[in-house]
Protein backbone atom coordinates (compact mmCIF):
# COMPACT_ATOMS: atom_id res chain seq x y z
CA MET A 1 37.42 -27.86 48.64
CA ARG A 2 37.03 -23.98 48.43
CA THR A 3 33.99 -23.03 46.17
CA ASN A 4 34.57 -19.72 44.11
CA ARG A 5 31.89 -17.40 44.63
CA TYR A 6 32.74 -15.22 42.02
CA PRO A 7 32.54 -15.38 38.21
CA ALA A 8 35.94 -16.52 36.70
CA PRO A 9 38.13 -13.61 35.39
CA ALA A 10 37.90 -14.96 31.72
CA LEU A 11 33.91 -14.56 32.33
CA ILE A 12 33.81 -11.13 33.60
CA GLY A 13 34.58 -9.14 30.24
CA PRO A 14 31.72 -11.22 28.37
CA LEU A 15 29.65 -10.21 31.18
CA LEU A 16 30.45 -6.77 31.10
CA VAL A 17 29.75 -6.55 27.36
CA ALA A 18 26.47 -8.06 27.53
CA GLY A 19 25.40 -5.93 30.66
CA CYS A 20 26.52 -3.00 28.28
CA LEU A 21 24.26 -4.00 25.54
CA LEU A 22 21.30 -4.83 27.64
CA TRP A 23 21.53 -1.43 28.89
CA ALA A 24 21.91 0.34 25.67
CA ALA A 25 19.05 -1.42 24.32
CA ALA A 26 17.02 -0.43 27.23
CA ALA A 27 18.23 3.14 26.76
CA ALA A 28 17.43 2.99 23.08
CA ALA A 29 13.86 3.29 23.70
CA ASP A 30 11.81 5.96 22.66
CA GLU A 31 9.50 8.02 25.14
CA VAL A 32 5.92 9.38 24.58
CA THR A 33 4.41 11.09 27.69
CA SER A 34 0.73 11.12 27.69
CA LYS A 35 -1.60 11.88 30.60
CA GLY A 36 1.13 12.22 33.13
CA THR A 37 2.69 8.87 32.40
CA VAL A 38 5.78 8.19 30.37
CA LEU A 39 5.40 5.30 27.98
CA ARG A 40 8.71 3.68 26.47
CA GLY A 41 8.94 1.79 23.22
CA LYS A 42 9.23 2.34 19.74
CA VAL A 43 7.95 5.21 17.48
CA THR A 44 7.44 3.88 14.09
CA SER A 45 5.85 6.58 12.32
CA PHE A 46 3.83 9.93 12.70
CA SER A 47 1.94 12.50 10.69
CA SER A 48 -0.58 15.36 11.49
CA ALA A 49 -3.21 12.87 12.25
CA GLY A 50 -0.90 11.55 15.32
CA VAL A 51 1.66 9.09 16.27
CA VAL A 52 2.02 5.46 15.95
CA PHE A 53 3.74 3.78 18.85
CA GLU A 54 4.94 0.25 19.71
CA PRO A 55 4.90 0.08 23.80
CA GLU A 56 8.05 -2.14 25.11
CA TYR A 57 5.54 -4.36 26.72
CA GLY A 58 2.72 -6.21 24.92
CA LYS A 59 1.93 -6.35 21.32
CA GLY A 60 0.67 -4.33 18.48
CA SER A 61 0.78 -0.63 17.88
CA LEU A 62 -0.97 2.13 19.45
CA VAL A 63 -2.35 5.20 17.12
CA MET A 64 -2.14 8.47 19.50
CA LYS A 65 -3.53 11.74 18.65
CA TRP A 66 -1.58 14.61 19.21
CA ALA A 67 -4.08 16.21 21.65
CA ASP A 68 -3.47 12.98 24.20
CA ILE A 69 0.42 13.68 23.98
CA GLU A 70 2.27 15.83 26.28
CA ASP A 71 5.87 15.36 25.41
CA LEU A 72 7.81 12.85 22.74
CA LYS A 73 11.32 11.78 22.52
CA THR A 74 13.01 9.66 19.88
CA ASP A 75 16.48 7.82 20.31
CA THR A 76 16.97 7.60 16.29
CA PRO A 77 16.91 10.18 13.80
CA PHE A 78 13.55 10.69 11.70
CA GLN A 79 12.84 12.00 8.20
CA VAL A 80 10.26 14.63 8.74
CA LEU A 81 8.63 16.11 5.88
CA HIS A 82 6.47 19.01 6.76
CA GLY A 83 5.20 22.41 5.07
CA GLU A 84 5.89 22.87 1.29
CA GLU A 85 8.81 20.73 0.23
CA ARG A 86 10.55 20.81 3.43
CA GLU A 87 12.56 18.32 5.40
CA ALA A 88 14.04 17.41 8.75
CA ALA A 89 16.30 14.71 9.38
CA ALA A 90 17.24 13.98 13.28
CA PRO A 91 16.02 12.78 16.25
CA VAL A 92 12.84 14.27 18.02
CA GLN A 93 13.86 16.07 20.98
CA GLY A 94 10.68 17.42 22.60
CA PHE A 95 7.06 18.30 21.91
CA SER A 96 5.14 21.21 23.59
CA ASP A 97 2.09 23.72 22.64
CA GLY A 98 1.51 21.88 19.20
CA LYS A 99 5.35 22.36 18.31
CA LEU A 100 7.60 19.20 17.76
CA LEU A 101 11.50 19.75 18.44
CA VAL A 102 13.59 17.81 15.82
CA GLY A 103 17.29 18.31 15.62
CA PRO A 104 20.44 16.96 17.19
CA SER A 105 20.08 18.43 20.34
CA ALA A 106 17.48 20.21 22.30
CA ALA A 107 19.39 23.67 22.11
CA ALA A 108 19.86 23.17 18.23
CA ALA A 109 16.16 21.77 17.57
CA THR A 110 13.84 23.32 15.20
CA ALA A 111 10.33 23.85 16.21
CA ILE A 112 7.89 22.15 13.64
CA ASP A 113 4.20 22.79 13.67
CA VAL A 114 2.44 19.32 13.77
CA THR A 115 -0.40 20.16 11.79
CA THR A 116 2.10 20.74 8.80
CA ILE A 117 3.55 17.54 8.94
CA ASP A 118 2.91 14.99 5.88
CA VAL A 119 4.60 12.11 7.21
CA ALA A 120 7.65 11.09 9.26
CA GLN A 121 9.60 7.65 9.11
CA PRO A 122 12.54 6.57 11.19
CA ILE A 123 15.76 6.44 9.36
CA GLY A 124 17.93 3.26 9.36
CA PRO A 125 21.41 3.00 10.70
CA GLY A 126 22.50 3.04 6.89
CA GLY A 127 21.17 6.57 6.45
CA LEU A 128 18.24 7.72 4.18
CA SER A 129 17.33 4.70 1.83
CA PHE A 130 15.99 4.69 -1.83
CA ASN A 131 12.32 4.82 -0.45
CA ASP A 132 13.21 7.54 2.27
CA ARG A 133 14.81 9.64 -1.09
CA MET A 134 11.57 8.85 -3.03
CA ARG A 135 9.54 9.76 -0.21
CA ASN A 136 10.96 13.21 -0.20
CA TYR A 137 10.91 13.61 -3.92
CA TRP A 138 7.31 12.43 -4.39
CA ARG A 139 6.09 12.72 -1.02
CA TYR A 140 2.43 12.76 -1.80
CA TRP A 141 2.83 9.65 -4.24
CA ASP A 142 3.02 5.89 -3.08
CA GLY A 143 3.33 3.33 -6.00
CA SER A 144 4.95 0.41 -7.52
CA LEU A 145 6.09 -1.06 -10.62
CA ASP A 146 5.22 -5.17 -10.95
CA LEU A 147 7.06 -7.82 -13.03
CA GLY A 148 6.03 -11.45 -12.99
CA PHE A 149 7.22 -14.24 -15.24
CA ASN A 150 6.66 -18.00 -15.74
CA THR A 151 7.89 -20.53 -18.16
CA ALA A 152 7.91 -24.29 -18.08
CA GLN A 153 9.27 -26.78 -20.60
CA ALA A 154 7.71 -30.23 -20.88
CA ASN A 155 5.25 -32.13 -23.21
CA THR A 156 3.54 -28.59 -23.37
CA ASP A 157 5.87 -25.58 -23.25
CA THR A 158 4.13 -22.44 -21.57
CA THR A 159 5.43 -19.01 -20.82
CA GLY A 160 4.01 -15.80 -19.09
CA VAL A 161 4.76 -12.37 -18.24
CA LEU A 162 3.15 -9.57 -16.45
CA LEU A 163 4.11 -5.86 -16.50
CA ALA A 164 1.83 -3.54 -14.11
CA PHE A 165 2.25 -0.08 -12.81
CA ALA A 166 0.36 1.46 -10.11
CA THR A 167 0.81 4.94 -8.19
CA GLN A 168 -1.68 7.06 -5.85
CA ARG A 169 -1.22 10.73 -4.98
CA SER A 170 -2.85 11.19 -1.56
CA LYS A 171 -3.11 14.89 -0.01
CA ALA A 172 -6.38 15.57 2.10
CA PRO A 173 -9.17 15.92 0.93
CA THR A 174 -8.14 14.10 -2.52
CA ARG A 175 -6.84 10.97 -3.78
CA LEU A 176 -5.84 10.37 -7.58
CA THR A 177 -5.05 6.86 -8.73
CA LEU A 178 -3.14 5.88 -11.94
CA GLY A 179 -2.66 2.42 -13.18
CA ALA A 180 -1.93 -0.05 -16.05
CA GLY A 181 -1.09 -3.27 -16.78
CA TYR A 182 -0.06 -5.83 -19.48
CA ARG A 183 -0.51 -9.53 -19.44
CA TYR A 184 1.10 -11.84 -22.36
CA GLY A 185 1.20 -15.96 -22.31
CA THR A 186 1.74 -18.65 -24.90
CA THR A 187 1.59 -22.20 -24.95
CA LYS A 188 3.35 -25.08 -27.31
CA LYS A 189 2.61 -28.43 -27.33
CA SER A 190 5.29 -30.83 -28.85
CA GLY A 191 5.25 -30.80 -32.53
CA GLU A 192 2.53 -27.84 -32.70
CA SER A 193 2.61 -24.64 -33.44
CA LYS A 194 2.67 -21.87 -30.57
CA ASP A 195 -0.81 -20.53 -29.18
CA ILE A 196 -1.11 -17.21 -27.67
CA THR A 197 -3.26 -17.75 -24.53
CA GLN A 198 -2.76 -14.42 -22.82
CA ASP A 199 -2.84 -10.82 -24.44
CA ASP A 200 -4.44 -8.51 -22.01
CA LEU A 201 -3.97 -4.66 -21.41
CA ARG A 202 -5.92 -2.73 -18.75
CA GLY A 203 -5.68 1.14 -17.72
CA LEU A 204 -7.19 2.95 -14.87
CA VAL A 205 -7.85 6.74 -13.83
CA ARG A 206 -9.72 7.43 -10.80
CA GLY A 207 -10.09 10.42 -8.25
CA GLU A 208 -11.64 10.86 -4.79
CA TYR A 209 -12.62 13.77 -2.67
CA ASP A 210 -13.68 13.51 0.80
CA VAL A 211 -16.74 15.21 1.40
CA THR A 212 -16.73 14.40 5.23
CA LYS A 213 -14.45 12.25 7.51
CA ARG A 214 -16.60 9.04 5.99
CA LEU A 215 -18.25 10.09 3.11
CA TYR A 216 -16.39 10.51 -0.35
CA THR A 217 -17.19 11.16 -4.04
CA TYR A 218 -15.49 9.46 -6.64
CA ALA A 219 -15.05 9.57 -10.40
CA SER A 220 -13.56 6.65 -12.43
CA GLY A 221 -12.43 5.42 -16.22
CA ASP A 222 -11.19 1.98 -16.91
CA ALA A 223 -10.26 0.56 -20.24
CA GLN A 224 -9.37 -2.82 -21.47
CA TYR A 225 -8.09 -4.69 -24.47
CA ASP A 226 -7.94 -8.42 -24.76
CA ALA A 227 -7.30 -10.14 -27.76
CA ILE A 228 -8.15 -13.97 -26.47
CA LYS A 229 -11.64 -12.93 -25.81
CA GLU A 230 -11.45 -10.77 -29.14
CA LEU A 231 -12.11 -7.85 -27.05
CA SER A 232 -11.17 -4.60 -28.98
CA ILE A 233 -11.89 -2.39 -26.05
CA ARG A 234 -14.18 -2.25 -22.99
CA ALA A 235 -14.48 1.08 -21.65
CA VAL A 236 -16.11 1.74 -18.02
CA PRO A 237 -16.72 5.24 -16.98
CA LYS A 238 -18.49 5.59 -13.61
CA ALA A 239 -19.22 8.20 -10.58
CA GLY A 240 -20.64 7.98 -7.31
CA PHE A 241 -20.33 8.04 -3.76
CA GLY A 242 -18.78 5.96 -1.26
CA TYR A 243 -18.68 5.40 2.61
CA THR A 244 -15.73 4.43 4.50
CA VAL A 245 -16.91 1.77 7.07
CA TRP A 246 -13.60 1.79 8.96
CA GLN A 247 -10.32 3.44 8.54
CA GLU A 248 -6.89 3.55 10.42
CA GLN A 249 -4.55 6.30 9.31
CA LEU A 250 -0.91 5.26 9.72
CA ASP A 251 0.53 8.42 8.00
CA GLU A 252 -0.51 11.00 5.30
CA THR A 253 -0.35 8.52 2.47
CA LYS A 254 -0.77 5.14 4.14
CA ARG A 255 -4.00 3.66 5.93
CA ASN A 256 -5.88 0.62 6.75
CA PHE A 257 -9.40 0.86 5.54
CA LEU A 258 -12.73 -0.72 4.12
CA GLN A 259 -14.86 1.15 1.81
CA ILE A 260 -18.06 0.60 -0.07
CA GLU A 261 -19.67 2.61 -2.79
CA ALA A 262 -22.45 2.85 -5.58
CA GLY A 263 -23.12 5.10 -8.55
CA PRO A 264 -24.08 4.83 -12.15
CA ALA A 265 -21.50 3.37 -14.62
CA TRP A 266 -21.77 2.96 -18.66
CA VAL A 267 -20.39 -0.04 -20.29
CA TYR A 268 -19.25 0.04 -23.66
CA GLU A 269 -17.79 -3.28 -25.42
CA ARG A 270 -16.30 -3.44 -29.24
CA TYR A 271 -15.23 -6.73 -30.53
CA PHE A 272 -12.97 -7.42 -33.41
CA GLY A 273 -15.03 -7.27 -36.69
CA GLY A 274 -16.64 -4.31 -35.63
CA ASP A 275 -19.40 -5.69 -33.51
CA ASP A 276 -20.33 -3.55 -30.30
CA THR A 277 -22.41 -3.09 -27.22
CA ASP A 278 -23.33 -0.82 -24.36
CA PHE A 279 -25.56 -0.47 -21.60
CA TRP A 280 -26.12 1.76 -18.69
CA ALA A 281 -25.34 -0.28 -15.10
CA ALA A 282 -25.52 0.34 -11.39
CA ALA A 283 -21.93 0.19 -10.06
CA PHE A 284 -21.39 -1.23 -6.68
CA GLY A 285 -17.92 -1.58 -5.46
CA ALA A 286 -15.80 -2.24 -2.17
CA LEU A 287 -12.14 -1.48 -1.61
CA ALA A 288 -9.91 -2.41 1.25
CA ALA A 289 -6.32 -2.58 2.42
CA TYR A 290 -4.32 -3.53 5.39
CA ARG A 291 -0.88 -3.26 6.74
CA LEU A 292 0.62 -6.61 7.96
CA PRO A 293 3.46 -7.21 10.15
CA TYR A 294 7.27 -6.62 8.65
CA GLY A 295 6.02 -4.11 6.38
CA SER A 296 3.68 -6.22 4.28
CA TRP A 297 0.39 -5.19 3.11
CA PHE A 298 -2.77 -6.59 1.58
CA ASP A 299 -5.45 -4.75 -1.00
CA TRP A 300 -8.62 -5.86 -2.33
CA ARG A 301 -11.06 -4.47 -4.62
CA PHE A 302 -14.49 -5.86 -5.78
CA ASP A 303 -16.71 -4.51 -8.53
CA TYR A 304 -20.49 -5.33 -9.47
CA LEU A 305 -21.90 -3.89 -12.74
CA PRO A 306 -25.53 -5.19 -13.59
CA SER A 307 -27.28 -3.81 -16.40
CA VAL A 308 -30.09 -1.54 -15.41
CA SER A 309 -32.38 -3.11 -18.15
CA ASP A 310 -31.54 -6.96 -17.57
CA TRP A 311 -30.17 -7.07 -13.84
CA THR A 312 -29.96 -10.85 -13.59
CA ASN A 313 -28.36 -11.81 -17.06
CA ASP A 314 -26.33 -8.99 -18.08
CA TYR A 315 -23.45 -8.16 -15.66
CA LEU A 316 -19.93 -7.73 -15.12
CA LEU A 317 -18.36 -9.10 -11.67
CA ARG A 318 -14.65 -8.14 -11.20
CA THR A 319 -12.29 -9.06 -8.27
CA ALA A 320 -8.45 -8.00 -7.70
CA ALA A 321 -6.51 -9.02 -4.82
CA GLY A 322 -2.55 -8.47 -3.93
CA LEU A 323 -0.12 -9.51 -1.07
CA THR A 324 2.96 -7.84 -1.11
CA VAL A 325 6.02 -8.94 1.20
CA PRO A 326 9.30 -6.49 1.28
CA VAL A 327 12.50 -8.26 0.61
CA LEU A 328 15.35 -5.96 -0.07
CA ASP A 329 14.48 -1.96 -0.26
CA PRO A 330 12.80 -1.23 -2.61
CA ILE A 331 12.15 -4.82 -3.88
CA SER A 332 9.14 -6.79 -2.77
CA ALA A 333 7.61 -10.00 -3.54
CA LYS A 334 3.81 -9.79 -4.80
CA LEU A 335 1.16 -12.44 -5.34
CA SER A 336 -1.77 -10.91 -7.11
CA LEU A 337 -5.05 -12.29 -8.32
CA VAL A 338 -7.40 -11.05 -10.98
CA ASP A 339 -10.98 -12.86 -11.56
CA GLU A 340 -13.30 -11.63 -13.95
CA TYR A 341 -16.98 -12.77 -14.70
CA ASP A 342 -18.74 -11.58 -17.68
CA SER A 343 -22.34 -12.95 -18.25
CA THR A 344 -22.60 -12.03 -21.81
CA PRO A 345 -19.21 -12.62 -23.23
CA GLY A 346 -18.13 -13.06 -27.10
CA ALA A 347 -18.81 -15.86 -29.05
CA ASP A 348 -16.39 -19.14 -28.19
CA VAL A 349 -15.24 -17.14 -24.77
CA ASP A 350 -15.43 -18.53 -21.52
CA ARG A 351 -17.58 -16.32 -18.84
CA ASN A 352 -15.02 -16.46 -16.13
CA SER A 353 -11.20 -15.57 -16.35
CA LEU A 354 -8.85 -16.35 -13.45
CA PHE A 355 -5.17 -15.18 -13.20
CA LEU A 356 -2.83 -15.61 -10.49
CA THR A 357 0.67 -14.34 -10.64
CA ALA A 358 3.67 -14.33 -8.50
CA GLY A 359 6.35 -11.72 -9.16
CA ILE A 360 8.57 -8.78 -7.75
CA SER A 361 7.38 -5.33 -7.12
CA VAL A 362 9.44 -1.99 -6.74
CA GLY A 363 7.82 0.38 -4.70
CA TRP A 364 8.30 4.06 -3.77
């Protein structure tokens, strides 16, 4: 019996298609030339600080400085925000003498000084997304609008809602952060009247200025209203210096970091009925954020505010953390945790408050 050494005619077409797809996938790789070596993979972003590159072999990203790059080419178009409100949307055709060539072809490319690039992100096959357009309009701003809701109906009915807003403007050497949030919850046992279990309003204004690469100064003020704690207002203005223990700059507005800080603060509390109290405090704090795979990120903040006159018995301890996971541009799922410990609360009020909320977040 004769054995057919060649693929059957019916298989030739699919094999050719598969081969073409494999060849196209290989040809679609971006190229970064560094120290005479051409690296193939995927450019995920770049800015005046450098290029974030994922090589085709291995796992993880490389953050490469422009001084170590000899040439750069991308297969896909990039949205490049540079200079004063200027934008380019095309593939990168090359790099030399500190200039990046961006355009539909090398002959029609525009030369952009890399020191003027604020941020550059790849454009998907569907064109500019909602986040891309918002990035152009608000290129120095990054923020989110969060909404959480929970309900249960049983022997005890419960409802809860969270609405929060946070945004940050980052343009070296300054950062400005604005935030506000409101939390409301009720519970009702069968045959009884409804009780309000949460009625909390908070706001924050914070500014940072980089003195050196790692040292910065800051000033902030936050305020809180909490009806359950009979707290009419708690105001905490503070200022001081901070130190960046570790940082990885991803683009002009996004970075992974760990910061610690310290300075003086003043805590003022006024309760329903007119009673008030205040004290000078030492403000110790820590902040961190880290970008995870698939566009997710984790952020965390810690505050310790002991009274300078009674360190061990009069203090505030506050922690906030969040995990955000993209679902459908620009919507993400968000899990947030807020914990607050007041060593000297009002009458009939627990020292510790803990809130864990799952909801959605609209980012820009």
